[in-house]
Amino acid sequence: MKTEDAIKSRRAIKHFDPEHQMPEEDIARLLSLAMLSPTAFNIQNWRFVVVREPELRQKIRAVAWDQAQVTDASLFIVLCADLKAWEKQPVRYWKNADKGVQDFMLPAIDSYYRDKDQVQRDEAMRSCGITAQTLMLATKSLGYDSCPMDGFDFDAVAKLIKLPDDHVIAMFIAIGKGTKDAWPRPGQLALDEVVISDSF
């Protein structure tokens, strides 16, 4: 599928076939494609919690407005980010780079993030947003449907998945075979309302 077609046809699907089983190779392919998403300083701070256990999915659904996507999707991901990825062996992110590049990048990473909690959180959310869209477009290109979700009790889900203290949840992404089309697009703003030339 062409990228443009995937962008145009991707919609937030609310109804999935609960009997559909996604092949493991498709799951691995989707996650591998999502991991090609850009992150600042290549810190790859996203974490994909793939929830497979049916009982855990039911518990998550109970704190997610009883949304059926949680239990019915073939692949259900709690998309998280490690706020401290920048300081956890950052040489890993530049292991294939020349020493000169490493010598420049590693101190730059430390300088950019250290003692800047808001920057760490902002970067985590940006990274998760980018990888979520990559994942959803890859999903569409493989013939599946998806739904990004944020209607849930973040604290309750954090407890259920045993989220580490230095991580945050960005959103859910439900993936599978849709059984019902999305509503028609409800109304896109005009280009001239959202595109600003040079300054406001």
C-alpha atoms as a PDB file:
ATOM      1  CA  MET A   1       0.000   0.000   0.000  1.00  0.00           C
ATOM      2  CA  LYS A   2       1.269   3.482  -0.823  1.00  0.00           C
ATOM      3  CA  THR A   3       1.938   5.709   2.158  1.00  0.00           C
ATOM      4  CA  GLU A   4      -0.623   8.237   0.961  1.00  0.00           C
ATOM      5  CA  ASP A   5      -3.283   5.527   0.719  1.00  0.00           C
ATOM      6  CA  ALA A   6      -2.471   4.259   4.215  1.00  0.00           C
ATOM      7  CA  ILE A   7      -2.797   7.783   5.604  1.00  0.00           C
ATOM      8  CA  LYS A   8      -6.147   8.344   3.888  1.00  0.00           C
ATOM      9  CA  SER A   9      -7.627   4.951   4.792  1.00  0.00           C
ATOM     10  CA  ARG A  10      -6.406   4.723   8.407  1.00  0.00           C
ATOM     11  CA  ARG A  11      -9.289   5.349  10.787  1.00  0.00           C
ATOM     12  CA  ALA A  12      -9.886   4.733  14.480  1.00  0.00           C
ATOM     13  CA  ILE A  13     -11.778   1.439  14.444  1.00  0.00           C
ATOM     14  CA  LYS A  14     -13.878   0.644  17.507  1.00  0.00           C
ATOM     15  CA  HIS A  15     -15.095  -2.875  16.681  1.00  0.00           C
ATOM     16  CA  PHE A  16     -12.725  -5.804  16.203  1.00  0.00           C
ATOM     17  CA  ASP A  17     -13.209  -9.501  15.506  1.00  0.00           C
ATOM     18  CA  PRO A  18     -12.434 -11.106  18.909  1.00  0.00           C
ATOM     19  CA  GLU A  19     -11.811 -14.483  17.243  1.00  0.00           C
ATOM     20  CA  HIS A  20      -9.097 -13.225  14.913  1.00  0.00           C
ATOM     21  CA  GLN A  21      -5.579 -14.367  15.778  1.00  0.00           C
ATOM     22  CA  MET A  22      -2.732 -12.300  14.417  1.00  0.00           C
ATOM     23  CA  PRO A  23       0.296 -14.365  13.327  1.00  0.00           C
ATOM     24  CA  GLU A  24       3.364 -13.823  15.502  1.00  0.00           C
ATOM     25  CA  GLU A  25       5.405 -12.855  12.434  1.00  0.00           C
ATOM     26  CA  ASP A  26       2.970  -9.999  11.731  1.00  0.00           C
ATOM     27  CA  ILE A  27       3.214  -8.795  15.318  1.00  0.00           C
ATOM     28  CA  ALA A  28       7.010  -8.870  15.164  1.00  0.00           C
ATOM     29  CA  ARG A  29       6.966  -7.086  11.810  1.00  0.00           C
ATOM     30  CA  LEU A  30       4.700  -4.313  13.074  1.00  0.00           C
ATOM     31  CA  LEU A  31       6.751  -3.719  16.203  1.00  0.00           C
ATOM     32  CA  SER A  32       9.993  -3.777  14.218  1.00  0.00           C
ATOM     33  CA  LEU A  33       8.612  -1.154  11.842  1.00  0.00           C
ATOM     34  CA  ALA A  34       7.428   0.985  14.759  1.00  0.00           C
ATOM     35  CA  MET A  35      10.943   0.854  16.200  1.00  0.00           C
ATOM     36  CA  LEU A  36      12.273   2.592  13.089  1.00  0.00           C
ATOM     37  CA  SER A  37      10.496   5.748  14.253  1.00  0.00           C
ATOM     38  CA  PRO A  38      12.751   8.697  15.037  1.00  0.00           C
ATOM     39  CA  THR A  39      13.568   9.751  18.585  1.00  0.00           C
ATOM     40  CA  ALA A  40      15.677  12.667  19.779  1.00  0.00           C
ATOM     41  CA  PHE A  41      19.301  11.599  20.196  1.00  0.00           C
ATOM     42  CA  ASN A  42      18.187   8.115  19.091  1.00  0.00           C
ATOM     43  CA  ILE A  43      17.338   7.240  22.703  1.00  0.00           C
ATOM     44  CA  GLN A  44      14.431   4.989  21.623  1.00  0.00           C
ATOM     45  CA  ASN A  45      12.525   5.728  24.803  1.00  0.00           C
ATOM     46  CA  TRP A  46       9.262   4.016  23.813  1.00  0.00           C
ATOM     47  CA  ARG A  47       8.265   0.736  25.449  1.00  0.00           C
ATOM     48  CA  PHE A  48       5.564  -1.502  23.967  1.00  0.00           C
ATOM     49  CA  VAL A  49       3.689  -3.470  26.622  1.00  0.00           C
ATOM     50  CA  VAL A  50       1.947  -6.194  24.618  1.00  0.00           C
ATOM     51  CA  VAL A  51      -0.913  -7.407  26.791  1.00  0.00           C
ATOM     52  CA  ARG A  52      -1.712 -11.022  25.941  1.00  0.00           C
ATOM     53  CA  GLU A  53      -3.238 -12.387  29.158  1.00  0.00           C
ATOM     54  CA  PRO A  54      -7.071 -12.384  28.764  1.00  0.00           C
ATOM     55  CA  GLU A  55      -7.691 -11.807  32.472  1.00  0.00           C
ATOM     56  CA  LEU A  56      -5.370  -8.787  32.498  1.00  0.00           C
ATOM     57  CA  ARG A  57      -7.109  -7.411  29.428  1.00  0.00           C
ATOM     58  CA  GLN A  58     -10.445  -7.719  31.219  1.00  0.00           C
ATOM     59  CA  LYS A  59      -9.067  -5.798  34.197  1.00  0.00           C
ATOM     60  CA  ILE A  60      -7.727  -3.079  31.925  1.00  0.00           C
ATOM     61  CA  ARG A  61     -11.059  -2.883  30.099  1.00  0.00           C
ATOM     62  CA  ALA A  62     -12.804  -2.356  33.443  1.00  0.00           C
ATOM     63  CA  VAL A  63     -10.774   0.839  34.007  1.00  0.00           C
ATOM     64  CA  ALA A  64     -11.026   1.939  30.367  1.00  0.00           C
ATOM     65  CA  TRP A  65     -14.689   2.884  30.163  1.00  0.00           C
ATOM     66  CA  ASP A  66     -15.491  -0.760  29.284  1.00  0.00           C
ATOM     67  CA  GLN A  67     -14.240  -0.177  25.742  1.00  0.00           C
ATOM     68  CA  ALA A  68     -14.461  -3.438  23.806  1.00  0.00           C
ATOM     69  CA  GLN A  69     -11.290  -2.778  21.798  1.00  0.00           C
ATOM     70  CA  VAL A  70      -9.231  -3.654  24.881  1.00  0.00           C
ATOM     71  CA  THR A  71     -10.389  -7.262  24.898  1.00  0.00           C
ATOM     72  CA  ASP A  72     -11.435  -7.776  21.276  1.00  0.00           C
ATOM     73  CA  ALA A  73      -8.331  -6.550  19.437  1.00  0.00           C
ATOM     74  CA  SER A  74      -5.910  -9.187  18.164  1.00  0.00           C
ATOM     75  CA  LEU A  75      -2.976  -7.104  19.414  1.00  0.00           C
ATOM     76  CA  PHE A  76      -3.334  -4.766  22.384  1.00  0.00           C
ATOM     77  CA  ILE A  77      -0.459  -2.482  23.301  1.00  0.00           C
ATOM     78  CA  VAL A  78       0.000  -0.141  26.230  1.00  0.00           C
ATOM     79  CA  LEU A  79       2.441   2.341  24.740  1.00  0.00           C
ATOM     80  CA  CYS A  80       4.785   3.639  27.423  1.00  0.00           C
ATOM     81  CA  ALA A  81       8.014   5.572  27.624  1.00  0.00           C
ATOM     82  CA  ASP A  82      11.085   5.302  29.817  1.00  0.00           C
ATOM     83  CA  LEU A  83      11.684   8.842  31.086  1.00  0.00           C
ATOM     84  CA  LYS A  84      15.237   7.946  32.044  1.00  0.00           C
ATOM     85  CA  ALA A  85      16.255   6.165  28.843  1.00  0.00           C
ATOM     86  CA  TRP A  86      18.645   9.045  28.168  1.00  0.00           C
ATOM     87  CA  GLU A  87      20.879   8.042  31.108  1.00  0.00           C
ATOM     88  CA  LYS A  88      20.658   4.249  30.874  1.00  0.00           C
ATOM     89  CA  GLN A  89      23.803   3.211  29.031  1.00  0.00           C
ATOM     90  CA  PRO A  90      23.388   5.842  26.301  1.00  0.00           C
ATOM     91  CA  VAL A  91      26.408   4.476  24.449  1.00  0.00           C
ATOM     92  CA  ARG A  92      24.025   1.741  23.226  1.00  0.00           C
ATOM     93  CA  TYR A  93      22.214   4.263  21.063  1.00  0.00           C
ATOM     94  CA  TRP A  94      25.411   5.257  19.253  1.00  0.00           C
ATOM     95  CA  LYS A  95      27.359   1.982  19.316  1.00  0.00           C
ATOM     96  CA  ASN A  96      27.679   1.897  15.509  1.00  0.00           C
ATOM     97  CA  ALA A  97      28.806   5.506  15.193  1.00  0.00           C
ATOM     98  CA  ASP A  98      32.381   6.706  14.861  1.00  0.00           C
ATOM     99  CA  LYS A  99      34.148   7.588  18.107  1.00  0.00           C
ATOM    100  CA  GLY A 100      34.093  11.258  17.202  1.00  0.00           C
ATOM    101  CA  VAL A 101      30.331  11.169  16.873  1.00  0.00           C
ATOM    102  CA  GLN A 102      30.001   9.297  20.164  1.00  0.00           C
ATOM    103  CA  ASP A 103      32.261  11.787  21.909  1.00  0.00           C
ATOM    104  CA  PHE A 104      29.972  14.580  20.769  1.00  0.00           C
ATOM    105  CA  MET A 105      26.571  12.919  21.216  1.00  0.00           C
ATOM    106  CA  LEU A 106      26.910  11.316  24.651  1.00  0.00           C
ATOM    107  CA  PRO A 107      27.694  14.553  26.535  1.00  0.00           C
ATOM    108  CA  ALA A 108      25.006  16.312  24.468  1.00  0.00           C
ATOM    109  CA  ILE A 109      22.397  13.782  25.612  1.00  0.00           C
ATOM    110  CA  ASP A 110      23.338  14.310  29.240  1.00  0.00           C
ATOM    111  CA  SER A 111      23.297  18.088  28.903  1.00  0.00           C
ATOM    112  CA  TYR A 112      19.916  18.119  27.170  1.00  0.00           C
ATOM    113  CA  TYR A 113      18.030  15.953  29.685  1.00  0.00           C
ATOM    114  CA  ARG A 114      19.735  16.076  33.089  1.00  0.00           C
ATOM    115  CA  ASP A 115      17.640  17.793  35.771  1.00  0.00           C
ATOM    116  CA  LYS A 116      14.971  18.691  33.192  1.00  0.00           C
ATOM    117  CA  ASP A 117      11.907  16.630  34.133  1.00  0.00           C
ATOM    118  CA  GLN A 118       9.564  18.503  31.805  1.00  0.00           C
ATOM    119  CA  VAL A 119      11.898  18.039  28.842  1.00  0.00           C
ATOM    120  CA  GLN A 120      12.128  14.329  29.610  1.00  0.00           C
ATOM    121  CA  ARG A 121       8.330  13.996  29.712  1.00  0.00           C
ATOM    122  CA  ASP A 122       7.740  16.163  26.650  1.00  0.00           C
ATOM    123  CA  GLU A 123      10.253  14.142  24.672  1.00  0.00           C
ATOM    124  CA  ALA A 124       8.658  10.888  25.813  1.00  0.00           C
ATOM    125  CA  MET A 125       5.246  12.004  24.579  1.00  0.00           C
ATOM    126  CA  ARG A 126       6.620  13.262  21.268  1.00  0.00           C
ATOM    127  CA  SER A 127       8.430   9.977  20.714  1.00  0.00           C
ATOM    128  CA  CYS A 128       5.366   7.909  21.567  1.00  0.00           C
ATOM    129  CA  GLY A 129       3.175   9.997  19.284  1.00  0.00           C
ATOM    130  CA  ILE A 130       5.539   9.500  16.376  1.00  0.00           C
ATOM    131  CA  THR A 131       5.893   5.755  16.898  1.00  0.00           C
ATOM    132  CA  ALA A 132       2.135   5.368  17.405  1.00  0.00           C
ATOM    133  CA  GLN A 133       1.455   6.892  13.998  1.00  0.00           C
ATOM    134  CA  THR A 134       4.185   4.777  12.414  1.00  0.00           C
ATOM    135  CA  LEU A 135       2.629   1.683  13.984  1.00  0.00           C
ATOM    136  CA  MET A 136      -0.877   2.564  12.830  1.00  0.00           C
ATOM    137  CA  LEU A 137       0.207   3.257   9.251  1.00  0.00           C
ATOM    138  CA  ALA A 138       2.214   0.029   9.163  1.00  0.00           C
ATOM    139  CA  THR A 139      -0.855  -1.739  10.540  1.00  0.00           C
ATOM    140  CA  LYS A 140      -3.007  -0.389   7.715  1.00  0.00           C
ATOM    141  CA  SER A 141      -0.399  -1.324   5.111  1.00  0.00           C
ATOM    142  CA  LEU A 142      -0.549  -4.961   6.334  1.00  0.00           C
ATOM    143  CA  GLY A 143      -4.331  -5.069   6.039  1.00  0.00           C
ATOM    144  CA  TYR A 144      -5.235  -4.584   9.692  1.00  0.00           C
ATOM    145  CA  ASP A 145      -7.096  -1.840  11.520  1.00  0.00           C
ATOM    146  CA  SER A 146      -6.156   0.114  14.623  1.00  0.00           C
ATOM    147  CA  CYS A 147      -7.442   2.455  17.287  1.00  0.00           C
ATOM    148  CA  PRO A 148      -5.382   4.862  19.411  1.00  0.00           C
ATOM    149  CA  MET A 149      -6.930   5.176  22.859  1.00  0.00           C
ATOM    150  CA  ASP A 150      -6.587   7.445  25.866  1.00  0.00           C
ATOM    151  CA  GLY A 151      -9.945   6.914  27.569  1.00  0.00           C
ATOM    152  CA  PHE A 152      -8.758   5.080  30.675  1.00  0.00           C
ATOM    153  CA  ASP A 153      -7.567   5.508  34.244  1.00  0.00           C
ATOM    154  CA  PHE A 154      -3.830   5.953  33.776  1.00  0.00           C
ATOM    155  CA  ASP A 155      -2.968   5.278  37.415  1.00  0.00           C
ATOM    156  CA  ALA A 156      -5.048   2.104  37.554  1.00  0.00           C
ATOM    157  CA  VAL A 157      -3.506   0.760  34.342  1.00  0.00           C
ATOM    158  CA  ALA A 158      -0.031   1.626  35.627  1.00  0.00           C
ATOM    159  CA  LYS A 159      -0.685  -0.586  38.653  1.00  0.00           C
ATOM    160  CA  LEU A 160      -2.069  -3.413  36.548  1.00  0.00           C
ATOM    161  CA  ILE A 161       0.988  -3.542  34.280  1.00  0.00           C
ATOM    162  CA  LYS A 162       3.403  -2.847  37.160  1.00  0.00           C
ATOM    163  CA  LEU A 163       4.719   0.289  35.444  1.00  0.00           C
ATOM    164  CA  PRO A 164       8.153   1.309  36.803  1.00  0.00           C
ATOM    165  CA  ASP A 165       8.308   4.674  38.587  1.00  0.00           C
ATOM    166  CA  ASP A 166      10.501   6.180  35.884  1.00  0.00           C
ATOM    167  CA  HIS A 167       8.086   5.290  33.070  1.00  0.00           C
ATOM    168  CA  VAL A 168       4.869   6.922  31.836  1.00  0.00           C
ATOM    169  CA  ILE A 169       1.927   5.647  29.819  1.00  0.00           C
ATOM    170  CA  ALA A 170       1.224   7.569  26.629  1.00  0.00           C
ATOM    171  CA  MET A 171      -1.763   5.683  25.160  1.00  0.00           C
ATOM    172  CA  PHE A 172      -3.196   2.348  24.131  1.00  0.00           C
ATOM    173  CA  ILE A 173      -3.139   1.044  20.578  1.00  0.00           C
ATOM    174  CA  ALA A 174      -5.608  -1.692  19.656  1.00  0.00           C
ATOM    175  CA  ILE A 175      -4.921  -3.597  16.433  1.00  0.00           C
ATOM    176  CA  GLY A 176      -6.856  -6.299  14.639  1.00  0.00           C
ATOM    177  CA  LYS A 177      -9.481  -7.049  12.028  1.00  0.00           C
ATOM    178  CA  GLY A 178     -12.200  -4.432  12.088  1.00  0.00           C
ATOM    179  CA  THR A 179     -15.802  -5.616  11.879  1.00  0.00           C
ATOM    180  CA  LYS A 180     -17.482  -2.236  11.512  1.00  0.00           C
ATOM    181  CA  ASP A 181     -16.359   0.830   9.567  1.00  0.00           C
ATOM    182  CA  ALA A 182     -15.595   4.064  11.322  1.00  0.00           C
ATOM    183  CA  TRP A 183     -18.114   6.872  11.040  1.00  0.00           C
ATOM    184  CA  PRO A 184     -17.566   9.151   8.054  1.00  0.00           C
ATOM    185  CA  ARG A 185     -14.952  11.783   8.814  1.00  0.00           C
ATOM    186  CA  PRO A 186     -16.890  14.264  10.959  1.00  0.00           C
ATOM    187  CA  GLY A 187     -15.296  17.453   9.674  1.00  0.00           C
ATOM    188  CA  GLN A 188     -11.772  18.422   8.750  1.00  0.00           C
ATOM    189  CA  LEU A 189     -10.700  22.028   9.274  1.00  0.00           C
ATOM    190  CA  ALA A 190      -9.800  24.030   6.204  1.00  0.00           C
ATOM    191  CA  LEU A 191      -6.110  24.161   5.325  1.00  0.00           C
ATOM    192  CA  ASP A 192      -6.017  27.949   5.613  1.00  0.00           C
ATOM    193  CA  GLU A 193      -7.304  27.700   9.197  1.00  0.00           C
ATOM    194  CA  VAL A 194      -4.436  25.542  10.413  1.00  0.00           C
ATOM    195  CA  VAL A 195      -1.514  26.619   8.222  1.00  0.00           C
ATOM    196  CA  ILE A 196       0.141  29.853   9.330  1.00  0.00           C
ATOM    197  CA  SER A 197       2.678  31.614   7.141  1.00  0.00           C
ATOM    198  CA  ASP A 198       5.712  32.742   9.112  1.00  0.00           C
ATOM    199  CA  SER A 199       3.958  33.946  12.273  1.00  0.00           C
ATOM    200  CA  PHE A 200       0.558  34.296  13.909  1.00  0.00           C
END
